[in-house]
PDB file of N, CA and C in Angstrom:
ATOM      1  N   UNK A   1      31.092  32.487 -29.042  1.00  0.00           N
ATOM      2  CA  UNK A   1      29.793  31.982 -28.622  1.00  0.00           C
ATOM      3  C   UNK A   1      28.878  33.170 -28.313  1.00  0.00           C
ATOM      4  N   UNK A   2      28.123  33.054 -27.260  1.00  0.00           N
ATOM      5  CA  UNK A   2      27.225  34.128 -26.877  1.00  0.00           C
ATOM      6  C   UNK A   2      27.322  34.336 -25.374  1.00  0.00           C
ATOM      7  N   UNK A   3      26.895  35.493 -24.937  1.00  0.00           N
ATOM      8  CA  UNK A   3      26.944  35.828 -23.509  1.00  0.00           C
ATOM      9  C   UNK A   3      25.530  35.945 -22.975  1.00  0.00           C
ATOM     10  N   UNK A   4      25.312  35.394 -21.789  1.00  0.00           N
ATOM     11  CA  UNK A   4      24.005  35.484 -21.152  1.00  0.00           C
ATOM     12  C   UNK A   4      23.958  36.713 -20.262  1.00  0.00           C
ATOM     13  N   UNK A   5      22.800  37.364 -20.238  1.00  0.00           N
ATOM     14  CA  UNK A   5      22.621  38.490 -19.331  1.00  0.00           C
ATOM     15  C   UNK A   5      22.428  37.947 -17.912  1.00  0.00           C
ATOM     16  N   UNK A   6      22.464  38.822 -16.936  1.00  0.00           N
ATOM     17  CA  UNK A   6      22.282  38.412 -15.541  1.00  0.00           C
ATOM     18  C   UNK A   6      20.907  37.765 -15.352  1.00  0.00           C
ATOM     19  N   UNK A   7      19.888  38.311 -15.973  1.00  0.00           N
ATOM     20  CA  UNK A   7      18.538  37.760 -15.848  1.00  0.00           C
ATOM     21  C   UNK A   7      18.455  36.368 -16.489  1.00  0.00           C
ATOM     22  N   UNK A   8      19.105  36.193 -17.616  1.00  0.00           N
ATOM     23  CA  UNK A   8      19.106  34.887 -18.272  1.00  0.00           C
ATOM     24  C   UNK A   8      19.858  33.850 -17.439  1.00  0.00           C
ATOM     25  N   UNK A   9      20.938  34.260 -16.798  1.00  0.00           N
ATOM     26  CA  UNK A   9      21.673  33.351 -15.922  1.00  0.00           C
ATOM     27  C   UNK A   9      20.799  32.901 -14.757  1.00  0.00           C
ATOM     28  N   UNK A  10      20.037  33.840 -14.184  1.00  0.00           N
ATOM     29  CA  UNK A  10      19.134  33.490 -13.086  1.00  0.00           C
ATOM     30  C   UNK A  10      18.065  32.511 -13.557  1.00  0.00           C
ATOM     31  N   UNK A  11      17.540  32.727 -14.754  1.00  0.00           N
ATOM     32  CA  UNK A  11      16.519  31.834 -15.297  1.00  0.00           C
ATOM     33  C   UNK A  11      17.076  30.428 -15.495  1.00  0.00           C
ATOM     34  N   UNK A  12      18.271  30.322 -16.050  1.00  0.00           N
ATOM     35  CA  UNK A  12      18.898  29.017 -16.252  1.00  0.00           C
ATOM     36  C   UNK A  12      19.136  28.339 -14.902  1.00  0.00           C
ATOM     37  N   UNK A  13      19.601  29.085 -13.922  1.00  0.00           N
ATOM     38  CA  UNK A  13      19.851  28.521 -12.592  1.00  0.00           C
ATOM     39  C   UNK A  13      18.542  28.037 -11.958  1.00  0.00           C
ATOM     40  N   UNK A  14      17.455  28.801 -12.123  1.00  0.00           N
ATOM     41  CA  UNK A  14      16.168  28.401 -11.566  1.00  0.00           C
ATOM     42  C   UNK A  14      15.660  27.119 -12.219  1.00  0.00           C
ATOM     43  N   UNK A  15      15.755  27.037 -13.534  1.00  0.00           N
ATOM     44  CA  UNK A  15      15.297  25.836 -14.245  1.00  0.00           C
ATOM     45  C   UNK A  15      16.122  24.628 -13.821  1.00  0.00           C
ATOM     46  N   UNK A  16      17.428  24.794 -13.712  1.00  0.00           N
ATOM     47  CA  UNK A  16      18.290  23.695 -13.283  1.00  0.00           C
ATOM     48  C   UNK A  16      17.965  23.272 -11.850  1.00  0.00           C
ATOM     49  N   UNK A  17      17.759  24.242 -10.960  1.00  0.00           N
ATOM     50  CA  UNK A  17      17.425  23.924  -9.572  1.00  0.00           C
ATOM     51  C   UNK A  17      16.077  23.205  -9.490  1.00  0.00           C
ATOM     52  N   UNK A  18      15.100  23.643 -10.277  1.00  0.00           N
ATOM     53  CA  UNK A  18      13.787  22.987 -10.275  1.00  0.00           C
ATOM     54  C   UNK A  18      13.904  21.553 -10.779  1.00  0.00           C
ATOM     55  N   UNK A  19      14.711  21.342 -11.806  1.00  0.00           N
ATOM     56  CA  UNK A  19      14.911  19.998 -12.345  1.00  0.00           C
ATOM     57  C   UNK A  19      15.562  19.095 -11.302  1.00  0.00           C
ATOM     58  N   UNK A  20      16.606  19.587 -10.647  1.00  0.00           N
ATOM     59  CA  UNK A  20      17.295  18.782  -9.636  1.00  0.00           C
ATOM     60  C   UNK A  20      16.395  18.511  -8.434  1.00  0.00           C
ATOM     61  N   UNK A  21      15.586  19.504  -8.048  1.00  0.00           N
ATOM     62  CA  UNK A  21      14.654  19.294  -6.940  1.00  0.00           C
ATOM     63  C   UNK A  21      13.633  18.219  -7.316  1.00  0.00           C
ATOM     64  N   UNK A  22      13.162  18.249  -8.541  1.00  0.00           N
ATOM     65  CA  UNK A  22      12.224  17.234  -8.996  1.00  0.00           C
ATOM     66  C   UNK A  22      12.824  15.838  -8.953  1.00  0.00           C
ATOM     67  N   UNK A  23      14.071  15.709  -9.385  1.00  0.00           N
ATOM     68  CA  UNK A  23      14.744  14.408  -9.312  1.00  0.00           C
ATOM     69  C   UNK A  23      14.907  13.953  -7.867  1.00  0.00           C
ATOM     70  N   UNK A  24      15.277  14.886  -6.998  1.00  0.00           N
ATOM     71  CA  UNK A  24      15.446  14.545  -5.581  1.00  0.00           C
ATOM     72  C   UNK A  24      14.145  14.100  -4.940  1.00  0.00           C
ATOM     73  N   UNK A  25      13.062  14.800  -5.232  1.00  0.00           N
ATOM     74  CA  UNK A  25      11.756  14.439  -4.674  1.00  0.00           C
ATOM     75  C   UNK A  25      11.293  13.099  -5.225  1.00  0.00           C
ATOM     76  N   UNK A  26      11.526  12.870  -6.510  1.00  0.00           N
ATOM     77  CA  UNK A  26      11.160  11.583  -7.118  1.00  0.00           C
ATOM     78  C   UNK A  26      11.904  10.447  -6.436  1.00  0.00           C
ATOM     79  N   UNK A  27      13.187  10.615  -6.238  1.00  0.00           N
ATOM     80  CA  UNK A  27      13.993   9.584  -5.570  1.00  0.00           C
ATOM     81  C   UNK A  27      13.501   9.366  -4.141  1.00  0.00           C
ATOM     82  N   UNK A  28      13.223  10.443  -3.421  1.00  0.00           N
ATOM     83  CA  UNK A  28      12.756  10.345  -2.035  1.00  0.00           C
ATOM     84  C   UNK A  28      11.427   9.608  -1.964  1.00  0.00           C
ATOM     85  N   UNK A  29      10.502   9.929  -2.861  1.00  0.00           N
ATOM     86  CA  UNK A  29       9.198   9.269  -2.842  1.00  0.00           C
ATOM     87  C   UNK A  29       9.320   7.789  -3.189  1.00  0.00           C
ATOM     88  N   UNK A  30      10.190   7.450  -4.136  1.00  0.00           N
ATOM     89  CA  UNK A  30      10.359   6.045  -4.503  1.00  0.00           C
ATOM     90  C   UNK A  30      10.977   5.241  -3.367  1.00  0.00           C
ATOM     91  N   UNK A  31      11.974   5.787  -2.711  1.00  0.00           N
ATOM     92  CA  UNK A  31      12.627   5.050  -1.630  1.00  0.00           C
ATOM     93  C   UNK A  31      11.729   5.004  -0.397  1.00  0.00           C
ATOM     94  N   UNK A  32      10.960   6.040  -0.146  1.00  0.00           N
ATOM     95  CA  UNK A  32      10.057   6.052   0.999  1.00  0.00           C
ATOM     96  C   UNK A  32       8.947   5.028   0.810  1.00  0.00           C
ATOM     97  N   UNK A  33       8.433   4.889  -0.411  1.00  0.00           N
ATOM     98  CA  UNK A  33       7.377   3.919  -0.688  1.00  0.00           C
ATOM     99  C   UNK A  33       7.868   2.505  -0.412  1.00  0.00           C
ATOM    100  N   UNK A  34       9.119   2.221  -0.746  1.00  0.00           N
ATOM    101  CA  UNK A  34       9.679   0.901  -0.494  1.00  0.00           C
ATOM    102  C   UNK A  34       9.793   0.662   1.006  1.00  0.00           C
ATOM    103  N   UNK A  35      10.260   1.656   1.752  1.00  0.00           N
ATOM    104  CA  UNK A  35      10.394   1.499   3.200  1.00  0.00           C
ATOM    105  C   UNK A  35       9.036   1.302   3.862  1.00  0.00           C
ATOM    106  N   UNK A  36       8.017   2.040   3.406  1.00  0.00           N
ATOM    107  CA  UNK A  36       6.670   1.884   3.980  1.00  0.00           C
ATOM    108  C   UNK A  36       6.118   0.504   3.675  1.00  0.00           C
ATOM    109  N   UNK A  37       6.342   0.010   2.475  1.00  0.00           N
ATOM    110  CA  UNK A  37       5.847  -1.308   2.107  1.00  0.00           C
ATOM    111  C   UNK A  37       6.514  -2.388   2.958  1.00  0.00           C
ATOM    112  N   UNK A  38       7.794  -2.247   3.197  1.00  0.00           N
ATOM    113  CA  UNK A  38       8.521  -3.212   4.031  1.00  0.00           C
ATOM    114  C   UNK A  38       7.992  -3.146   5.455  1.00  0.00           C
ATOM    115  N   UNK A  39       7.733  -1.956   5.959  1.00  0.00           N
ATOM    116  CA  UNK A  39       7.224  -1.804   7.317  1.00  0.00           C
ATOM    117  C   UNK A  39       5.837  -2.446   7.458  1.00  0.00           C
ATOM    118  N   UNK A  40       4.983  -2.294   6.439  1.00  0.00           N
ATOM    119  CA  UNK A  40       3.646  -2.883   6.501  1.00  0.00           C
ATOM    120  C   UNK A  40       3.715  -4.407   6.474  1.00  0.00           C
ATOM    121  N   UNK A  41       4.617  -4.971   5.714  1.00  0.00           N
ATOM    122  CA  UNK A  41       4.746  -6.418   5.604  1.00  0.00           C
ATOM    123  C   UNK A  41       5.314  -7.008   6.892  1.00  0.00           C
ATOM    124  N   UNK A  42       6.252  -6.311   7.524  1.00  0.00           N
ATOM    125  CA  UNK A  42       6.916  -6.857   8.697  1.00  0.00           C
ATOM    126  C   UNK A  42       6.095  -6.704   9.973  1.00  0.00           C
ATOM    127  N   UNK A  43       5.047  -5.863   9.964  1.00  0.00           N
ATOM    128  CA  UNK A  43       4.210  -5.699  11.163  1.00  0.00           C
ATOM    129  C   UNK A  43       3.185  -6.823  11.186  1.00  0.00           C
ATOM    130  N   UNK A  44       3.112  -7.572  12.306  1.00  0.00           N
ATOM    131  CA  UNK A  44       2.152  -8.702  12.356  1.00  0.00           C
ATOM    132  C   UNK A  44       0.720  -8.249  12.460  1.00  0.00           C
TER     133      UNK A  44
END
C-alpha cells in the first residue's frame, strides 16, 4: 500500500475529528430543539 507522513496523519485526524464534532453538534441541536419544544408546550 502506501505510507502516510506525520503531517498527512495529522491532517486525516483533524478531518475525522471535525466530521465527528459536526455529527455530535448536529445531534445535540436536534435533541435540544425537541426538548425546548416540549418545554414550551407543557408550560401553561
